[in-house]
Amino acid sequence: MKIDICMRYLLIIWMMAFLCGCAGKSTDNEVLQIDLNAEHSSIRLNLKDIADVTYIKLASNTDLLVRSRALVCNENYILTKGGETGEILMFDREGQPVRKFSHYGNGPHEYNYITNLRMDEKRGEIYVHDVFSRKIVVYDLNGEYIREFASGDARFIYNFNDDAFLVYNTETNRVNSDLKPYFSILAKNDGEILKKIEVPFSSGKKYDLTVTKEGDGGRFSYTAMHLPVVRNSEGYILNELSSDTIYQYSYDGVLTPVILRTPAISSMSAPVFLQYGIETSKYVFLTRISVDESNERDMFPETNWVYNKENGDINEYEIRNDDYPDAKIVLSSHLVNCDMQSGYGISRFNADELLEAYQEGKLYGELKDLASSLKDEDNDVLILYKFK
């Protein structure tokens, strides 16, 4: 009898200790809920606490005029568009030129527009996705033609593994299209759709970042840039506008909900969207995007939030770069919208902007030293982030 009572007492103590140990911890299946109508206080973060930063000055000469952001930044190469239409420039990771090539045109083996540019070093292939011609043209690392195949409704393509792309499919003319957007796995060899990834919509309605207005010249549609795919260490985050849930699609092919936005988009008189951006060991950076048809200067106002994974706090944020305190830094999905390894992001400064900041005494440290030798006509200076 005494042993029975003692055992019950020990069992109660063990259960209480177990429950106390679980308090405040999230389970693997827990989905973070974020209220889009909530207001949050602002905090200031230092860039050097979030990422290791490397500045890369792209070499400049009359044959290598950069005219776009970096489209590829992998372990050995940086690819971007050149000054001539259809021109592709290749640099090494030190910013030194490797080669350039162009196959611009409407004929065989050519592309008419560079929508996405991807590289697979292991296969020795560069992929030029032309959304208007609805095809992907494949070249080797010297720019020589290998093959091409149809890309269908692919809008964005990302390297998924050695054999396939992860693709976001939607019509180019998003405003007038009835096609329900979807994600898929596309074979690199021939463009075969290997798998469709069904992200559940919150309702039957398709939502988009668009505003349509009637004017004297007819009907006009305005759209904002939507980046539906963000890479992280586990796979890819799927930012589908028409879903109340943000999902992760793992490299093992498992679809898992990670964020539930509230209220439901179908219950809102004017839609508000949530976009998943950069993830570090401590933070997830998010963008709240609303639609304001009455504001012609800013129809898609954004609020930048940061979620602290350690304590659960959500705040608006400002990020200070000690090398350039006046520069505005937003850790959105745009920083990782290129072909690069997980945990990295990239953005750019125009040379004339940096030179002006240098002359006004607004630069410090390594960036000041770099800008001291710049000329107005020089190529961009890239900022490579390795997130902590």
Protein backbone atom coordinates (compact mmCIF):
# COMPACT_ATOMS: atom_id res chain seq x y z
CA MET A 1 0.00 0.00 0.00
CA LYS A 2 2.79 2.41 0.95
CA ILE A 3 4.69 1.41 -2.21
CA ASP A 4 1.53 2.13 -4.28
CA ILE A 5 1.17 5.64 -2.84
CA CYS A 6 4.86 6.30 -3.30
CA MET A 7 4.74 5.23 -6.96
CA ARG A 8 1.74 7.49 -7.62
CA TYR A 9 3.55 10.38 -5.98
CA LEU A 10 6.64 9.83 -8.11
CA LEU A 11 4.52 9.54 -11.25
CA ILE A 12 2.83 12.88 -10.52
CA ILE A 13 6.21 14.56 -9.95
CA TRP A 14 7.56 13.11 -13.21
CA MET A 15 4.52 14.30 -15.20
CA MET A 16 4.76 17.81 -13.76
CA ALA A 17 8.46 17.97 -14.59
CA PHE A 18 7.75 16.76 -18.13
CA LEU A 19 5.01 19.34 -18.70
CA CYS A 20 7.14 22.15 -17.29
CA GLY A 21 9.98 21.14 -19.57
CA CYS A 22 7.70 21.31 -22.60
CA ALA A 23 6.28 24.75 -21.80
CA GLY A 24 7.28 27.42 -24.28
CA LYS A 25 8.73 24.96 -26.81
CA SER A 26 7.24 24.47 -30.26
CA THR A 27 6.74 21.04 -31.74
CA ASP A 28 7.90 20.03 -35.21
CA ASN A 29 4.30 20.20 -36.47
CA GLU A 30 3.47 23.60 -35.02
CA VAL A 31 2.47 26.28 -37.56
CA LEU A 32 3.30 29.89 -36.78
CA GLN A 33 0.21 32.14 -36.93
CA ILE A 34 0.67 35.78 -37.95
CA ASP A 35 -2.07 38.39 -37.70
CA LEU A 36 -1.77 40.77 -40.64
CA ASN A 37 -3.87 43.40 -38.86
CA ALA A 38 -1.56 43.57 -35.84
CA GLU A 39 0.71 46.53 -35.16
CA HIS A 40 4.26 46.00 -33.95
CA SER A 41 6.90 48.21 -32.42
CA SER A 42 10.12 48.90 -34.30
CA ILE A 43 13.60 47.62 -33.45
CA ARG A 44 17.03 48.39 -34.89
CA LEU A 45 19.36 45.59 -35.94
CA ASN A 46 22.99 45.70 -36.97
CA LEU A 47 23.78 44.02 -40.28
CA LYS A 48 27.00 42.49 -38.93
CA ASP A 49 24.99 40.62 -36.29
CA ILE A 50 22.86 39.05 -39.01
CA ALA A 51 25.32 38.35 -41.80
CA ASP A 52 28.95 38.31 -42.83
CA VAL A 53 29.25 40.80 -45.69
CA THR A 54 31.62 40.70 -48.67
CA TYR A 55 31.85 43.50 -51.24
CA ILE A 56 32.62 42.43 -54.80
CA LYS A 57 33.58 45.07 -57.36
CA LEU A 58 32.75 43.84 -60.84
CA ALA A 59 35.58 44.59 -63.26
CA SER A 60 34.83 47.40 -65.69
CA ASN A 61 35.74 47.93 -69.32
CA THR A 62 33.91 48.81 -72.52
CA ASP A 63 33.23 45.14 -73.31
CA LEU A 64 31.72 44.32 -69.93
CA LEU A 65 28.90 46.73 -69.14
CA VAL A 66 26.60 45.30 -66.47
CA ARG A 67 22.96 46.26 -66.82
CA SER A 68 21.13 44.13 -64.25
CA ARG A 69 21.33 42.59 -60.83
CA ALA A 70 23.26 39.33 -60.41
CA LEU A 71 21.17 36.48 -61.82
CA VAL A 72 23.52 33.68 -60.75
CA CYS A 73 25.92 33.67 -57.82
CA ASN A 74 27.20 30.19 -57.00
CA GLU A 75 30.41 28.80 -55.59
CA ASN A 76 32.61 29.89 -58.49
CA TYR A 77 30.72 32.22 -60.82
CA ILE A 78 28.54 35.31 -61.05
CA LEU A 79 26.28 35.73 -64.09
CA THR A 80 24.43 38.88 -65.07
CA LYS A 81 23.05 40.65 -68.14
CA GLY A 82 25.31 42.88 -70.23
CA GLY A 83 24.84 46.20 -71.95
CA GLU A 84 23.74 44.68 -75.25
CA THR A 85 20.32 43.03 -75.48
CA GLY A 86 20.58 39.32 -74.74
CA GLU A 87 24.20 39.51 -73.63
CA ILE A 88 25.26 37.27 -70.70
CA LEU A 89 28.35 38.18 -68.68
CA MET A 90 30.27 35.72 -66.53
CA PHE A 91 32.57 36.80 -63.68
CA ASP A 92 34.46 34.82 -61.07
CA ARG A 93 33.72 35.29 -57.37
CA GLU A 94 36.40 37.98 -57.17
CA GLY A 95 34.52 40.03 -59.78
CA GLN A 96 37.03 39.36 -62.57
CA PRO A 97 35.70 38.67 -66.10
CA VAL A 98 35.58 35.09 -67.37
CA ARG A 99 33.63 35.38 -70.63
CA LYS A 100 30.55 36.78 -72.30
CA PHE A 101 28.20 35.37 -74.91
CA SER A 102 24.91 36.13 -76.62
CA HIS A 103 22.49 34.05 -78.68
CA TYR A 104 19.80 36.69 -78.90
CA GLY A 105 17.29 36.26 -81.71
CA ASN A 106 14.25 34.37 -82.95
CA GLY A 107 16.04 31.54 -84.69
CA PRO A 108 17.02 28.01 -83.66
CA HIS A 109 19.25 27.78 -80.58
CA GLU A 110 18.42 31.40 -79.67
CA TYR A 111 16.37 33.22 -77.04
CA ASN A 112 14.38 36.41 -77.38
CA TYR A 113 14.30 37.34 -73.71
CA ILE A 114 16.15 36.30 -70.54
CA THR A 115 13.45 35.71 -67.92
CA ASN A 116 15.47 33.39 -65.68
CA LEU A 117 19.14 32.49 -65.84
CA ARG A 118 20.36 29.40 -63.98
CA MET A 119 23.56 27.37 -63.87
CA ASP A 120 24.36 23.79 -62.88
CA GLU A 121 28.13 23.55 -62.44
CA LYS A 122 28.02 19.79 -61.85
CA ARG A 123 26.32 19.24 -65.20
CA GLY A 124 28.33 22.04 -66.84
CA GLU A 125 25.15 23.72 -68.10
CA ILE A 126 23.64 27.21 -68.25
CA TYR A 127 19.86 27.52 -68.66
CA VAL A 128 18.26 30.55 -70.32
CA HIS A 129 14.53 30.63 -69.72
CA ASP A 130 12.57 32.71 -72.26
CA VAL A 131 9.04 33.06 -70.88
CA PHE A 132 7.67 34.72 -74.04
CA SER A 133 8.98 31.99 -76.35
CA ARG A 134 7.96 29.42 -73.70
CA LYS A 135 11.24 27.54 -73.83
CA ILE A 136 14.49 26.85 -71.96
CA VAL A 137 17.70 26.92 -74.02
CA VAL A 138 20.70 25.06 -72.60
CA TYR A 139 24.33 26.06 -73.18
CA ASP A 140 27.62 24.80 -71.80
CA LEU A 141 29.81 26.99 -69.59
CA ASN A 142 31.51 28.39 -72.70
CA GLY A 143 28.17 29.54 -74.08
CA GLU A 144 27.91 26.82 -76.74
CA TYR A 145 24.46 25.44 -77.57
CA ILE A 146 23.51 22.00 -76.20
CA ARG A 147 19.72 21.61 -76.46
CA GLU A 148 16.37 23.29 -75.81
CA PHE A 149 12.90 22.26 -74.69
CA ALA A 150 9.45 23.72 -74.05
CA SER A 151 8.85 25.34 -70.66
CA GLY A 152 5.06 25.63 -70.89
CA ASP A 153 3.57 27.97 -68.29
CA ALA A 154 6.78 28.22 -66.24
CA ARG A 155 7.25 31.72 -64.85
CA PHE A 156 10.12 31.16 -62.39
CA ILE A 157 12.59 28.26 -62.40
CA TYR A 158 15.01 27.22 -59.63
CA ASN A 159 17.60 24.46 -59.36
CA PHE A 160 16.01 21.72 -57.24
CA ASN A 161 18.51 18.88 -57.65
CA ASP A 162 20.91 17.46 -60.23
CA ASP A 163 18.09 16.38 -62.52
CA ALA A 164 15.23 18.83 -62.05
CA PHE A 165 13.99 22.38 -61.54
CA LEU A 166 11.41 23.60 -59.07
CA VAL A 167 9.02 25.73 -61.13
CA TYR A 168 6.26 28.24 -60.46
CA ASN A 169 3.74 28.05 -63.28
CA THR A 170 1.40 30.86 -64.28
CA GLU A 171 0.51 32.76 -67.43
CA THR A 172 2.74 35.69 -68.41
CA ASN A 173 -0.36 37.89 -68.57
CA ARG A 174 -1.40 37.20 -64.98
CA VAL A 175 -4.21 39.75 -64.97
CA ASN A 176 -6.36 38.25 -67.70
CA SER A 177 -5.48 34.60 -67.14
CA ASP A 178 -7.85 32.06 -65.63
CA LEU A 179 -5.03 29.57 -65.07
CA LYS A 180 -4.68 28.60 -61.43
CA PRO A 181 -0.98 28.99 -60.52
CA TYR A 182 0.81 25.84 -59.44
CA PHE A 183 4.28 24.56 -58.60
CA SER A 184 5.95 21.64 -60.32
CA ILE A 185 9.16 19.64 -60.68
CA LEU A 186 10.53 19.90 -64.24
CA ALA A 187 13.17 17.61 -65.78
CA LYS A 188 16.37 19.38 -66.84
CA ASN A 189 16.89 17.01 -69.75
CA ASP A 190 13.68 17.58 -71.68
CA GLY A 191 11.22 19.72 -69.67
CA GLU A 192 8.95 16.84 -68.69
CA ILE A 193 6.74 17.66 -65.70
CA LEU A 194 7.77 15.02 -63.17
CA LYS A 195 5.42 16.13 -60.43
CA LYS A 196 2.78 18.76 -59.71
CA ILE A 197 2.83 20.30 -56.24
CA GLU A 198 -0.66 21.22 -55.13
CA VAL A 199 -0.69 24.15 -52.71
CA PRO A 200 -4.24 24.40 -51.30
CA PHE A 201 -5.98 27.69 -52.06
CA SER A 202 -7.99 29.28 -49.27
CA SER A 203 -10.97 29.70 -51.58
CA GLY A 204 -11.76 29.14 -55.20
CA LYS A 205 -10.67 32.69 -56.03
CA LYS A 206 -7.25 33.51 -57.45
CA TYR A 207 -5.53 36.54 -55.91
CA ASP A 208 -2.69 38.60 -57.33
CA LEU A 209 -0.81 41.81 -56.69
CA THR A 210 -2.70 43.76 -59.33
CA VAL A 211 -4.73 46.94 -59.65
CA THR A 212 -6.93 47.53 -62.70
CA LYS A 213 -8.17 51.03 -63.52
CA GLU A 214 -10.27 52.62 -66.21
CA GLY A 215 -8.74 55.67 -67.92
CA ASP A 216 -9.18 57.87 -70.94
CA GLY A 217 -7.07 55.54 -73.01
CA GLY A 218 -8.85 52.40 -71.87
CA ARG A 219 -8.30 49.83 -69.15
CA PHE A 220 -4.90 49.65 -67.46
CA SER A 221 -3.49 47.02 -65.10
CA TYR A 222 -0.67 47.60 -62.63
CA THR A 223 1.22 44.72 -61.05
CA ALA A 224 3.80 44.37 -58.29
CA MET A 225 6.72 41.95 -58.31
CA HIS A 226 5.80 38.67 -56.68
CA LEU A 227 8.56 36.19 -55.81
CA PRO A 228 6.80 32.90 -55.09
CA VAL A 229 9.85 30.78 -54.21
CA VAL A 230 12.52 31.35 -51.54
CA ARG A 231 15.29 28.86 -50.86
CA ASN A 232 16.34 27.87 -47.34
CA SER A 233 18.40 25.09 -45.77
CA GLU A 234 15.56 22.54 -45.83
CA GLY A 235 14.24 23.18 -49.32
CA TYR A 236 12.07 25.93 -50.77
CA ILE A 237 9.42 28.18 -49.23
CA LEU A 238 6.34 28.50 -51.47
CA ASN A 239 4.83 31.99 -51.31
CA GLU A 240 1.49 31.43 -53.03
CA LEU A 241 -0.59 34.62 -52.91
CA SER A 242 -3.94 32.85 -53.06
CA SER A 243 -3.26 30.63 -50.05
CA ASP A 244 -3.61 31.60 -46.39
CA THR A 245 -0.77 29.20 -45.62
CA ILE A 246 2.90 29.50 -46.54
CA TYR A 247 4.40 26.06 -47.17
CA GLN A 248 7.85 24.57 -47.35
CA TYR A 249 8.67 21.98 -50.00
CA SER A 250 11.62 19.91 -48.82
CA TYR A 251 14.34 18.36 -50.97
CA ASP A 252 12.70 15.03 -50.06
CA GLY A 253 9.46 16.15 -51.72
CA VAL A 254 7.44 16.77 -48.54
CA LEU A 255 5.02 19.74 -48.40
CA THR A 256 4.76 21.18 -44.87
CA PRO A 257 2.83 24.24 -43.63
CA VAL A 258 5.06 26.77 -41.82
CA ILE A 259 3.01 29.98 -41.47
CA LEU A 260 -0.74 30.57 -41.28
CA ARG A 261 -1.78 34.14 -41.99
CA THR A 262 -4.91 35.58 -40.40
CA PRO A 263 -7.50 36.79 -41.12
CA ALA A 264 -8.31 34.71 -44.19
CA ILE A 265 -7.66 36.59 -47.41
CA SER A 266 -11.19 35.82 -48.62
CA SER A 267 -12.63 37.70 -45.64
CA MET A 268 -10.80 40.97 -46.42
CA SER A 269 -12.41 43.78 -48.39
CA ALA A 270 -8.97 44.73 -49.74
CA PRO A 271 -6.44 41.90 -49.93
CA VAL A 272 -3.30 41.93 -47.78
CA PHE A 273 -0.45 39.51 -48.53
CA LEU A 274 2.41 38.04 -46.55
CA GLN A 275 5.74 37.13 -48.16
CA TYR A 276 8.42 34.99 -46.57
CA GLY A 277 11.92 36.44 -47.11
CA ILE A 278 15.33 35.78 -45.57
CA GLU A 279 15.76 33.21 -42.79
CA THR A 280 18.73 33.18 -40.41
CA SER A 281 19.43 31.00 -37.38
CA LYS A 282 17.58 33.52 -35.20
CA TYR A 283 15.21 35.45 -37.46
CA VAL A 284 12.66 35.16 -40.24
CA PHE A 285 12.20 38.37 -42.23
CA LEU A 286 8.70 38.90 -43.63
CA THR A 287 6.99 41.46 -45.86
CA ARG A 288 3.37 42.52 -45.45
CA ILE A 289 2.03 43.86 -48.76
CA SER A 290 -1.30 45.64 -49.06
CA VAL A 291 -3.15 47.06 -52.06
CA ASP A 292 -4.09 50.75 -52.13
CA GLU A 293 -5.79 51.63 -55.42
CA SER A 294 -6.17 55.30 -54.43
CA ASN A 295 -2.42 55.84 -54.01
CA GLU A 296 -1.06 56.18 -57.53
CA ARG A 297 2.52 56.68 -56.28
CA ASP A 298 2.51 53.54 -54.15
CA MET A 299 -0.30 51.14 -54.92
CA PHE A 300 1.41 48.27 -53.10
CA PRO A 301 2.72 49.64 -49.77
CA GLU A 302 4.97 47.30 -47.79
CA THR A 303 5.67 46.83 -44.10
CA ASN A 304 8.78 44.90 -43.13
CA TRP A 305 8.55 42.56 -40.15
CA VAL A 306 11.05 40.31 -38.40
CA TYR A 307 10.05 37.23 -36.39
CA ASN A 308 12.41 36.24 -33.57
CA LYS A 309 12.50 32.43 -33.45
CA GLU A 310 13.98 32.44 -29.95
CA ASN A 311 11.32 34.46 -28.10
CA GLY A 312 8.44 34.63 -30.59
CA ASP A 313 8.45 38.43 -30.91
CA ILE A 314 7.41 40.17 -34.13
CA ASN A 315 8.65 43.68 -34.85
CA GLU A 316 9.06 46.16 -37.62
CA TYR A 317 12.76 46.66 -38.20
CA GLU A 318 15.53 48.89 -39.43
CA ILE A 319 18.94 47.48 -40.29
CA ARG A 320 22.10 49.54 -40.01
CA ASN A 321 25.19 48.82 -42.08
CA ASP A 322 28.07 50.49 -40.23
CA ASP A 323 29.94 50.84 -43.55
CA TYR A 324 27.03 52.85 -45.06
CA PRO A 325 24.60 53.99 -42.33
CA ASP A 326 22.31 55.90 -44.74
CA ALA A 327 21.66 52.86 -46.94
CA LYS A 328 18.23 51.26 -46.54
CA ILE A 329 18.45 47.48 -46.14
CA VAL A 330 15.40 45.24 -46.48
CA LEU A 331 15.95 41.49 -46.12
CA SER A 332 13.23 40.46 -48.54
CA SER A 333 13.01 37.55 -50.95
CA HIS A 334 14.55 39.76 -53.67
CA LEU A 335 17.99 39.20 -52.11
CA VAL A 336 17.83 35.47 -52.79
CA ASN A 337 16.02 35.58 -56.13
CA CYS A 338 18.97 34.19 -58.03
CA ASP A 339 20.77 30.91 -58.45
CA MET A 340 22.83 30.62 -55.27
CA GLN A 341 23.46 28.30 -52.37
CA SER A 342 21.29 28.28 -49.27
CA GLY A 343 22.14 30.82 -46.59
CA TYR A 344 23.41 33.47 -49.00
CA GLY A 345 21.90 36.59 -50.53
CA ILE A 346 23.09 39.29 -52.89
CA SER A 347 22.28 42.89 -53.76
CA ARG A 348 24.13 45.76 -55.43
CA PHE A 349 25.17 49.38 -55.26
CA ASN A 350 25.49 51.42 -58.43
CA ALA A 351 28.97 52.91 -58.77
CA ASP A 352 27.69 56.49 -59.11
CA GLU A 353 25.61 56.10 -55.92
CA LEU A 354 28.61 54.86 -53.96
CA LEU A 355 30.88 57.52 -55.40
CA GLU A 356 28.45 60.26 -54.37
CA ALA A 357 28.15 58.77 -50.86
CA TYR A 358 31.95 58.61 -50.63
CA GLN A 359 32.33 62.25 -51.68
CA GLU A 360 29.75 63.27 -49.05
CA GLY A 361 31.63 61.38 -46.31
CA LYS A 362 28.89 58.79 -45.76
CA LEU A 363 31.02 55.66 -46.18
CA TYR A 364 33.27 53.88 -43.70
CA GLY A 365 35.59 50.90 -43.43
CA GLU A 366 36.09 48.52 -46.35
CA LEU A 367 33.34 50.12 -48.44
CA LYS A 368 34.97 53.54 -48.13
CA ASP A 369 38.30 52.12 -49.30
CA LEU A 370 36.63 50.40 -52.25
CA ALA A 371 34.66 53.51 -53.29
CA SER A 372 37.76 55.71 -53.25
CA SER A 373 38.87 54.24 -56.59
CA LEU A 374 35.44 54.21 -58.31
CA LYS A 375 34.42 56.14 -61.41
CA ASP A 376 30.85 57.03 -62.41
CA GLU A 377 30.87 54.66 -65.38
CA ASP A 378 32.19 51.66 -63.42
CA ASN A 379 30.17 48.48 -63.00
CA ASP A 380 28.16 47.67 -59.89
CA VAL A 381 29.56 46.77 -56.51
CA LEU A 382 27.86 43.62 -55.25
CA ILE A 383 27.07 42.97 -51.60
CA LEU A 384 27.23 39.25 -50.79
CA TYR A 385 25.50 38.27 -47.54
CA LYS A 386 26.29 35.05 -45.68
CA PHE A 387 23.52 34.86 -43.11
CA LYS A 388 24.37 33.74 -39.59
